[in-house]
Amino acid sequence: MTELQKRILSSLVIVPVVLLCLWFGGWAYRVLVLFVMVGIVWEGETLLGQPMKSLRGALLLLWPLCGGLIAIKGQWFAAFYLLVSSVLFGRRACGPVLVAMLGGFSLLWLRGRPDGFLETFFVIFAVIASDSCAYATGRLIGGPKLAPAISPGKTISGSLGGIVGAVILGGLVGHWSGHGWSFSACLTGGVIAVAAQAGDLLESAFKRRLGVKDSGRLIPGHGGLLDRLDALLLAAPVAAILALMAGEGPFWQLFR
């Protein structure tokens, strides 16, 4: 089986599972997010050379798990206190824990809002639209590289195409939500796309510095969780900040 075939088959399994968990919410969604948080810490710390079967490794895995459970209970102050306290493990080790908890907390908090399903859907699919349109545009147009020292395959045309794709997706979600077409929803899609691309580049720089191609082998044809979720891990906290600023309404109405 080729890598492309593995990639397609993995997507056919993963995408419906994610959509169902997102739709039903509750513990189905929460368990999925907790699994992702722990998995990201496992991958990140393993890349940094941390033996995960040691006591220190077990404590690093407990950090996002306990933080996620506390967040699920709505005790956000305690959850973020636990997040900040992870720096006690040292600057090098705390990186994957901070990334996993910030991304996970954001996804849990967004889904629990009044328009949580649509807001989380907006973020996830704006990221997917950005990634897919960037890939397609880059392959069709090519041109100057975006950040050749970090990710030689990415082009400026691809980046712009990804932003356009997320802008269109943002407008569509805003329209489907019953709020009609709006400049605000389109602009929010663009903001999420920029954050997503920044997250992708940061993860690429992390892997390049360590001299590895993939963060793991959990997902056949895709690599590890970090490889697939790098963009979302930064886009979700940005969306959460926008939601905090927007108040109770959908966060894509912030720029009205």
C-alpha atoms as a PDB file:
ATOM      1  CA  MET A   1       0.000   0.000   0.000  1.00  0.00           C
ATOM      2  CA  THR A   2       1.377   3.414  -0.993  1.00  0.00           C
ATOM      3  CA  GLU A   3       1.686   6.351   1.394  1.00  0.00           C
ATOM      4  CA  LEU A   4      -1.078   8.165  -0.489  1.00  0.00           C
ATOM      5  CA  GLN A   5      -3.435   5.200  -0.092  1.00  0.00           C
ATOM      6  CA  LYS A   6      -2.626   5.037   3.633  1.00  0.00           C
ATOM      7  CA  ARG A   7      -3.258   8.761   3.906  1.00  0.00           C
ATOM      8  CA  ILE A   8      -6.664   8.495   2.229  1.00  0.00           C
ATOM      9  CA  LEU A   9      -7.755   5.465   4.284  1.00  0.00           C
ATOM     10  CA  SER A  10      -6.672   7.136   7.525  1.00  0.00           C
ATOM     11  CA  SER A  11      -8.660  10.259   6.619  1.00  0.00           C
ATOM     12  CA  LEU A  12     -11.746   8.164   5.822  1.00  0.00           C
ATOM     13  CA  VAL A  13     -11.614   6.776   9.359  1.00  0.00           C
ATOM     14  CA  ILE A  14     -10.500   9.843  11.316  1.00  0.00           C
ATOM     15  CA  VAL A  15     -12.697  12.564   9.779  1.00  0.00           C
ATOM     16  CA  PRO A  16     -16.059  10.838  10.511  1.00  0.00           C
ATOM     17  CA  VAL A  17     -14.946  10.047  14.074  1.00  0.00           C
ATOM     18  CA  VAL A  18     -13.953  13.671  14.703  1.00  0.00           C
ATOM     19  CA  LEU A  19     -17.195  14.972  13.184  1.00  0.00           C
ATOM     20  CA  LEU A  20     -19.323  12.626  15.277  1.00  0.00           C
ATOM     21  CA  CYS A  21     -17.495  13.541  18.486  1.00  0.00           C
ATOM     22  CA  LEU A  22     -17.827  17.225  17.644  1.00  0.00           C
ATOM     23  CA  TRP A  23     -21.532  16.847  16.860  1.00  0.00           C
ATOM     24  CA  PHE A  24     -22.440  14.887  19.985  1.00  0.00           C
ATOM     25  CA  GLY A  25     -20.177  16.882  22.280  1.00  0.00           C
ATOM     26  CA  GLY A  26     -20.226  15.748  25.906  1.00  0.00           C
ATOM     27  CA  TRP A  27     -17.827  13.007  26.908  1.00  0.00           C
ATOM     28  CA  ALA A  28     -17.326  11.772  23.355  1.00  0.00           C
ATOM     29  CA  TYR A  29     -15.724  15.083  22.460  1.00  0.00           C
ATOM     30  CA  ARG A  30     -13.955  15.494  25.800  1.00  0.00           C
ATOM     31  CA  VAL A  31     -12.311  12.066  25.651  1.00  0.00           C
ATOM     32  CA  LEU A  32     -11.111  12.797  22.126  1.00  0.00           C
ATOM     33  CA  VAL A  33      -9.516  16.074  23.242  1.00  0.00           C
ATOM     34  CA  LEU A  34      -7.931  14.415  26.301  1.00  0.00           C
ATOM     35  CA  PHE A  35      -6.483  11.677  24.087  1.00  0.00           C
ATOM     36  CA  VAL A  36      -5.029  14.287  21.749  1.00  0.00           C
ATOM     37  CA  MET A  37      -3.515  16.287  24.624  1.00  0.00           C
ATOM     38  CA  VAL A  38      -1.785  13.250  26.125  1.00  0.00           C
ATOM     39  CA  GLY A  39      -0.682  12.021  22.713  1.00  0.00           C
ATOM     40  CA  ILE A  40       0.895  15.347  21.814  1.00  0.00           C
ATOM     41  CA  VAL A  41       2.877  15.404  25.052  1.00  0.00           C
ATOM     42  CA  TRP A  42       4.029  11.820  24.429  1.00  0.00           C
ATOM     43  CA  GLU A  43       5.206  12.671  20.916  1.00  0.00           C
ATOM     44  CA  GLY A  44       6.796  15.990  21.799  1.00  0.00           C
ATOM     45  CA  GLU A  45       8.684  14.707  24.838  1.00  0.00           C
ATOM     46  CA  THR A  46       9.822  11.601  22.942  1.00  0.00           C
ATOM     47  CA  LEU A  47      11.289  13.832  20.224  1.00  0.00           C
ATOM     48  CA  LEU A  48      13.126  15.770  22.937  1.00  0.00           C
ATOM     49  CA  GLY A  49      14.663  12.529  24.188  1.00  0.00           C
ATOM     50  CA  GLN A  50      12.574  12.182  27.350  1.00  0.00           C
ATOM     51  CA  PRO A  51      12.120   8.484  28.327  1.00  0.00           C
ATOM     52  CA  MET A  52       8.344   8.311  28.671  1.00  0.00           C
ATOM     53  CA  LYS A  53       8.367   5.058  30.656  1.00  0.00           C
ATOM     54  CA  SER A  54      10.214   6.787  33.492  1.00  0.00           C
ATOM     55  CA  LEU A  55       8.611   8.477  36.507  1.00  0.00           C
ATOM     56  CA  ARG A  56       9.283  11.881  34.976  1.00  0.00           C
ATOM     57  CA  GLY A  57       7.657  10.757  31.729  1.00  0.00           C
ATOM     58  CA  ALA A  58       4.571   9.520  33.587  1.00  0.00           C
ATOM     59  CA  LEU A  59       4.273  12.850  35.423  1.00  0.00           C
ATOM     60  CA  LEU A  60       4.532  14.737  32.133  1.00  0.00           C
ATOM     61  CA  LEU A  61       1.634  12.691  30.755  1.00  0.00           C
ATOM     62  CA  LEU A  62      -0.427  13.218  33.903  1.00  0.00           C
ATOM     63  CA  TRP A  63      -0.046  16.993  33.552  1.00  0.00           C
ATOM     64  CA  PRO A  64      -2.315  17.418  30.482  1.00  0.00           C
ATOM     65  CA  LEU A  65      -4.662  14.644  31.621  1.00  0.00           C
ATOM     66  CA  CYS A  66      -5.271  16.206  35.030  1.00  0.00           C
ATOM     67  CA  GLY A  67      -5.434  19.685  33.511  1.00  0.00           C
ATOM     68  CA  GLY A  68      -8.009  18.538  30.966  1.00  0.00           C
ATOM     69  CA  LEU A  69     -10.184  16.872  33.599  1.00  0.00           C
ATOM     70  CA  ILE A  70     -10.069  19.980  35.773  1.00  0.00           C
ATOM     71  CA  ALA A  71     -11.002  22.117  32.753  1.00  0.00           C
ATOM     72  CA  ILE A  72     -13.925  19.809  31.955  1.00  0.00           C
ATOM     73  CA  LYS A  73     -15.245  20.488  35.453  1.00  0.00           C
ATOM     74  CA  GLY A  74     -15.172  24.193  34.630  1.00  0.00           C
ATOM     75  CA  GLN A  75     -12.426  25.032  37.119  1.00  0.00           C
ATOM     76  CA  TRP A  76     -10.490  27.156  34.650  1.00  0.00           C
ATOM     77  CA  PHE A  77      -8.363  29.051  37.160  1.00  0.00           C
ATOM     78  CA  ALA A  78      -7.039  25.791  38.595  1.00  0.00           C
ATOM     79  CA  ALA A  79      -6.527  24.378  35.090  1.00  0.00           C
ATOM     80  CA  PHE A  80      -4.404  27.332  33.987  1.00  0.00           C
ATOM     81  CA  TYR A  81      -2.507  27.296  37.272  1.00  0.00           C
ATOM     82  CA  LEU A  82      -1.586  23.692  36.485  1.00  0.00           C
ATOM     83  CA  LEU A  83      -0.574  24.743  32.981  1.00  0.00           C
ATOM     84  CA  VAL A  84       1.736  27.485  34.246  1.00  0.00           C
ATOM     85  CA  SER A  85       3.199  25.198  36.913  1.00  0.00           C
ATOM     86  CA  SER A  86       4.381  22.821  34.190  1.00  0.00           C
ATOM     87  CA  VAL A  87       7.422  25.081  33.724  1.00  0.00           C
ATOM     88  CA  LEU A  88       8.755  23.517  36.916  1.00  0.00           C
ATOM     89  CA  PHE A  89       9.845  20.621  34.726  1.00  0.00           C
ATOM     90  CA  GLY A  90      12.303  22.906  32.998  1.00  0.00           C
ATOM     91  CA  ARG A  91      12.242  25.090  29.902  1.00  0.00           C
ATOM     92  CA  ARG A  92      13.066  22.259  27.492  1.00  0.00           C
ATOM     93  CA  ALA A  93      10.480  19.794  28.822  1.00  0.00           C
ATOM     94  CA  CYS A  94       7.581  22.157  29.338  1.00  0.00           C
ATOM     95  CA  GLY A  95       7.130  23.051  25.647  1.00  0.00           C
ATOM     96  CA  PRO A  96       4.982  20.069  24.554  1.00  0.00           C
ATOM     97  CA  VAL A  97       2.961  20.264  27.789  1.00  0.00           C
ATOM     98  CA  LEU A  98       2.200  23.958  27.307  1.00  0.00           C
ATOM     99  CA  VAL A  99       1.281  23.478  23.640  1.00  0.00           C
ATOM    100  CA  ALA A 100      -0.980  20.503  24.363  1.00  0.00           C
ATOM    101  CA  MET A 101      -2.748  22.162  27.272  1.00  0.00           C
ATOM    102  CA  LEU A 102      -3.266  25.534  25.587  1.00  0.00           C
ATOM    103  CA  GLY A 103      -4.688  23.882  22.483  1.00  0.00           C
ATOM    104  CA  GLY A 104      -6.757  21.379  24.440  1.00  0.00           C
ATOM    105  CA  PHE A 105      -8.153  23.926  26.888  1.00  0.00           C
ATOM    106  CA  SER A 106      -9.142  26.182  23.999  1.00  0.00           C
ATOM    107  CA  LEU A 107     -10.984  23.396  22.183  1.00  0.00           C
ATOM    108  CA  LEU A 108     -12.792  22.309  25.363  1.00  0.00           C
ATOM    109  CA  TRP A 109     -13.802  25.856  26.249  1.00  0.00           C
ATOM    110  CA  LEU A 110     -15.003  26.722  22.744  1.00  0.00           C
ATOM    111  CA  ARG A 111     -17.215  23.629  22.506  1.00  0.00           C
ATOM    112  CA  GLY A 112     -18.855  24.490  25.832  1.00  0.00           C
ATOM    113  CA  ARG A 113     -19.972  27.948  24.695  1.00  0.00           C
ATOM    114  CA  PRO A 114     -23.576  28.685  23.610  1.00  0.00           C
ATOM    115  CA  ASP A 115     -22.567  28.459  19.930  1.00  0.00           C
ATOM    116  CA  GLY A 116     -19.849  25.943  20.745  1.00  0.00           C
ATOM    117  CA  PHE A 117     -20.529  23.456  17.962  1.00  0.00           C
ATOM    118  CA  LEU A 118     -20.434  26.090  15.225  1.00  0.00           C
ATOM    119  CA  GLU A 119     -17.453  27.906  16.733  1.00  0.00           C
ATOM    120  CA  THR A 120     -15.394  24.736  17.029  1.00  0.00           C
ATOM    121  CA  PHE A 121     -16.527  23.653  13.567  1.00  0.00           C
ATOM    122  CA  PHE A 122     -15.453  27.078  12.259  1.00  0.00           C
ATOM    123  CA  VAL A 123     -11.942  26.739  13.704  1.00  0.00           C
ATOM    124  CA  ILE A 124     -11.336  23.144  12.625  1.00  0.00           C
ATOM    125  CA  PHE A 125     -12.570  23.595   9.084  1.00  0.00           C
ATOM    126  CA  ALA A 126     -10.927  26.986   8.607  1.00  0.00           C
ATOM    127  CA  VAL A 127      -7.670  25.194   9.405  1.00  0.00           C
ATOM    128  CA  ILE A 128      -8.519  22.372   6.985  1.00  0.00           C
ATOM    129  CA  ALA A 129      -9.496  24.886   4.281  1.00  0.00           C
ATOM    130  CA  SER A 130      -6.258  26.801   4.799  1.00  0.00           C
ATOM    131  CA  ASP A 131      -4.128  23.655   4.625  1.00  0.00           C
ATOM    132  CA  SER A 132      -5.922  22.148   1.611  1.00  0.00           C
ATOM    133  CA  CYS A 133      -6.094  25.367  -0.421  1.00  0.00           C
ATOM    134  CA  ALA A 134      -2.475  26.201   0.400  1.00  0.00           C
ATOM    135  CA  TYR A 135      -1.359  22.789  -0.863  1.00  0.00           C
ATOM    136  CA  ALA A 136      -3.448  22.990  -4.039  1.00  0.00           C
ATOM    137  CA  THR A 137      -2.464  26.595  -4.841  1.00  0.00           C
ATOM    138  CA  GLY A 138       1.196  25.939  -4.161  1.00  0.00           C
ATOM    139  CA  ARG A 139       1.198  22.939  -6.482  1.00  0.00           C
ATOM    140  CA  LEU A 140      -0.663  24.773  -9.271  1.00  0.00           C
ATOM    141  CA  ILE A 141       1.109  28.144  -9.125  1.00  0.00           C
ATOM    142  CA  GLY A 142       4.375  27.569  -7.302  1.00  0.00           C
ATOM    143  CA  GLY A 143       6.635  30.610  -7.124  1.00  0.00           C
ATOM    144  CA  PRO A 144       8.828  32.050  -4.351  1.00  0.00           C
ATOM    145  CA  LYS A 145       9.209  30.047  -1.171  1.00  0.00           C
ATOM    146  CA  LEU A 146       7.518  31.246   1.992  1.00  0.00           C
ATOM    147  CA  ALA A 147      10.159  30.106   4.503  1.00  0.00           C
ATOM    148  CA  PRO A 148      12.768  27.977   2.706  1.00  0.00           C
ATOM    149  CA  ALA A 149      14.984  27.609   5.764  1.00  0.00           C
ATOM    150  CA  ILE A 150      12.103  26.097   7.751  1.00  0.00           C
ATOM    151  CA  SER A 151       9.807  24.382   5.258  1.00  0.00           C
ATOM    152  CA  PRO A 152      11.170  24.304   1.682  1.00  0.00           C
ATOM    153  CA  GLY A 153       7.893  23.025   0.215  1.00  0.00           C
ATOM    154  CA  LYS A 154       5.751  26.006   1.228  1.00  0.00           C
ATOM    155  CA  THR A 155       5.269  28.890  -1.192  1.00  0.00           C
ATOM    156  CA  ILE A 156       3.948  32.427  -0.856  1.00  0.00           C
ATOM    157  CA  SER A 157       1.244  31.646  -3.416  1.00  0.00           C
ATOM    158  CA  GLY A 158       0.207  28.620  -1.361  1.00  0.00           C
ATOM    159  CA  SER A 159       0.014  30.709   1.801  1.00  0.00           C
ATOM    160  CA  LEU A 160      -2.181  33.304   0.096  1.00  0.00           C
ATOM    161  CA  GLY A 161      -4.346  30.562  -1.403  1.00  0.00           C
ATOM    162  CA  GLY A 162      -4.797  29.046   2.035  1.00  0.00           C
ATOM    163  CA  ILE A 163      -5.901  32.382   3.477  1.00  0.00           C
ATOM    164  CA  VAL A 164      -8.404  32.859   0.638  1.00  0.00           C
ATOM    165  CA  GLY A 165      -9.790  29.363   1.239  1.00  0.00           C
ATOM    166  CA  ALA A 166     -10.280  30.050   4.945  1.00  0.00           C
ATOM    167  CA  VAL A 167     -11.882  33.431   4.187  1.00  0.00           C
ATOM    168  CA  ILE A 168     -14.436  31.715   1.930  1.00  0.00           C
ATOM    169  CA  LEU A 169     -15.032  28.984   4.510  1.00  0.00           C
ATOM    170  CA  GLY A 170     -15.548  31.623   7.210  1.00  0.00           C
ATOM    171  CA  GLY A 171     -18.138  33.369   5.083  1.00  0.00           C
ATOM    172  CA  LEU A 172     -19.942  30.089   4.407  1.00  0.00           C
ATOM    173  CA  VAL A 173     -20.094  29.116   8.092  1.00  0.00           C
ATOM    174  CA  GLY A 174     -21.329  32.585   8.996  1.00  0.00           C
ATOM    175  CA  HIS A 175     -24.057  32.269   6.370  1.00  0.00           C
ATOM    176  CA  TRP A 176     -25.056  28.711   7.382  1.00  0.00           C
ATOM    177  CA  SER A 177     -25.276  29.790  11.015  1.00  0.00           C
ATOM    178  CA  GLY A 178     -28.179  32.059  10.148  1.00  0.00           C
ATOM    179  CA  HIS A 179     -26.274  35.306  10.585  1.00  0.00           C
ATOM    180  CA  GLY A 180     -25.952  35.858   6.846  1.00  0.00           C
ATOM    181  CA  TRP A 181     -22.915  36.747   4.786  1.00  0.00           C
ATOM    182  CA  SER A 182     -20.619  39.100   6.630  1.00  0.00           C
ATOM    183  CA  PHE A 183     -17.226  40.714   6.229  1.00  0.00           C
ATOM    184  CA  SER A 184     -16.565  39.836   9.873  1.00  0.00           C
ATOM    185  CA  ALA A 185     -16.903  36.071   9.320  1.00  0.00           C
ATOM    186  CA  CYS A 186     -14.656  36.239   6.254  1.00  0.00           C
ATOM    187  CA  LEU A 187     -12.037  38.289   8.107  1.00  0.00           C
ATOM    188  CA  THR A 188     -12.133  35.881  11.046  1.00  0.00           C
ATOM    189  CA  GLY A 189     -11.486  33.000   8.662  1.00  0.00           C
ATOM    190  CA  GLY A 190      -8.415  34.846   7.409  1.00  0.00           C
ATOM    191  CA  VAL A 191      -7.154  35.470  10.950  1.00  0.00           C
ATOM    192  CA  ILE A 192      -7.545  31.777  11.787  1.00  0.00           C
ATOM    193  CA  ALA A 193      -5.685  30.852   8.590  1.00  0.00           C
ATOM    194  CA  VAL A 194      -2.726  33.089   9.492  1.00  0.00           C
ATOM    195  CA  ALA A 195      -2.582  31.521  12.965  1.00  0.00           C
ATOM    196  CA  ALA A 196      -2.832  28.033  11.470  1.00  0.00           C
ATOM    197  CA  GLN A 197       0.022  28.659   9.044  1.00  0.00           C
ATOM    198  CA  ALA A 198       2.144  30.108  11.844  1.00  0.00           C
ATOM    199  CA  GLY A 199       1.513  26.976  13.915  1.00  0.00           C
ATOM    200  CA  ASP A 200       2.507  24.802  10.970  1.00  0.00           C
ATOM    201  CA  LEU A 201       5.763  26.706  10.487  1.00  0.00           C
ATOM    202  CA  LEU A 202       6.596  26.582  14.201  1.00  0.00           C
ATOM    203  CA  GLU A 203       6.181  22.800  14.249  1.00  0.00           C
ATOM    204  CA  SER A 204       8.295  22.508  11.078  1.00  0.00           C
ATOM    205  CA  ALA A 205      11.030  24.576  12.736  1.00  0.00           C
ATOM    206  CA  PHE A 206      10.825  22.348  15.833  1.00  0.00           C
ATOM    207  CA  LYS A 207      11.260  19.176  13.759  1.00  0.00           C
ATOM    208  CA  ARG A 208      14.007  20.684  11.601  1.00  0.00           C
ATOM    209  CA  ARG A 209      15.946  21.677  14.695  1.00  0.00           C
ATOM    210  CA  LEU A 210      15.720  18.105  15.961  1.00  0.00           C
ATOM    211  CA  GLY A 211      16.504  16.632  12.535  1.00  0.00           C
ATOM    212  CA  VAL A 212      13.320  14.556  12.167  1.00  0.00           C
ATOM    213  CA  LYS A 213      10.760  14.347   9.354  1.00  0.00           C
ATOM    214  CA  ASP A 214       7.666  13.244  11.302  1.00  0.00           C
ATOM    215  CA  SER A 215       6.669  13.669  14.931  1.00  0.00           C
ATOM    216  CA  GLY A 216       5.471  10.051  15.145  1.00  0.00           C
ATOM    217  CA  ARG A 217       3.820   7.158  13.336  1.00  0.00           C
ATOM    218  CA  LEU A 218       0.431   7.039  15.016  1.00  0.00           C
ATOM    219  CA  ILE A 219      -1.556   7.946  11.895  1.00  0.00           C
ATOM    220  CA  PRO A 220      -0.631   5.866   8.816  1.00  0.00           C
ATOM    221  CA  GLY A 221       0.288   8.108   5.905  1.00  0.00           C
ATOM    222  CA  HIS A 222       0.114  11.255   8.040  1.00  0.00           C
ATOM    223  CA  GLY A 223       2.809  10.813  10.684  1.00  0.00           C
ATOM    224  CA  GLY A 224       2.014  11.794  14.248  1.00  0.00           C
ATOM    225  CA  LEU A 225      -0.545  13.932  16.019  1.00  0.00           C
ATOM    226  CA  LEU A 226       1.747  16.946  15.985  1.00  0.00           C
ATOM    227  CA  ASP A 227       2.150  16.605  12.228  1.00  0.00           C
ATOM    228  CA  ARG A 228      -1.607  16.775  11.706  1.00  0.00           C
ATOM    229  CA  LEU A 229      -2.621  19.166  14.469  1.00  0.00           C
ATOM    230  CA  ASP A 230       0.210  21.695  14.517  1.00  0.00           C
ATOM    231  CA  ALA A 231      -1.921  24.347  12.809  1.00  0.00           C
ATOM    232  CA  LEU A 232      -4.949  23.748  15.033  1.00  0.00           C
ATOM    233  CA  LEU A 233      -2.880  23.948  18.219  1.00  0.00           C
ATOM    234  CA  LEU A 234      -2.217  27.637  17.568  1.00  0.00           C
ATOM    235  CA  ALA A 235      -5.453  28.462  15.735  1.00  0.00           C
ATOM    236  CA  ALA A 236      -7.625  27.217  18.619  1.00  0.00           C
ATOM    237  CA  PRO A 237      -6.098  29.527  21.275  1.00  0.00           C
ATOM    238  CA  VAL A 238      -6.391  32.462  18.848  1.00  0.00           C
ATOM    239  CA  ALA A 239     -10.066  31.588  18.315  1.00  0.00           C
ATOM    240  CA  ALA A 240     -10.547  31.363  22.084  1.00  0.00           C
ATOM    241  CA  ILE A 241      -9.110  34.861  22.505  1.00  0.00           C
ATOM    242  CA  LEU A 242     -11.472  36.157  19.817  1.00  0.00           C
ATOM    243  CA  ALA A 243     -14.357  34.432  21.602  1.00  0.00           C
ATOM    244  CA  LEU A 244     -13.414  36.068  24.900  1.00  0.00           C
ATOM    245  CA  MET A 245     -13.404  39.453  23.191  1.00  0.00           C
ATOM    246  CA  ALA A 246     -16.716  38.755  21.418  1.00  0.00           C
ATOM    247  CA  GLY A 247     -18.607  37.787  24.556  1.00  0.00           C
ATOM    248  CA  GLU A 248     -21.611  35.478  24.228  1.00  0.00           C
ATOM    249  CA  GLY A 249     -22.152  35.836  20.465  1.00  0.00           C
ATOM    250  CA  PRO A 250     -20.271  33.810  17.827  1.00  0.00           C
ATOM    251  CA  PHE A 251     -16.659  34.949  17.754  1.00  0.00           C
ATOM    252  CA  TRP A 252     -16.736  35.577  13.999  1.00  0.00           C
ATOM    253  CA  GLN A 253     -19.029  38.565  14.673  1.00  0.00           C
ATOM    254  CA  LEU A 254     -16.264  40.345  16.572  1.00  0.00           C
ATOM    255  CA  PHE A 255     -15.159  42.459  13.587  1.00  0.00           C
ATOM    256  CA  ARG A 256     -18.577  43.855  12.742  1.00  0.00           C
END
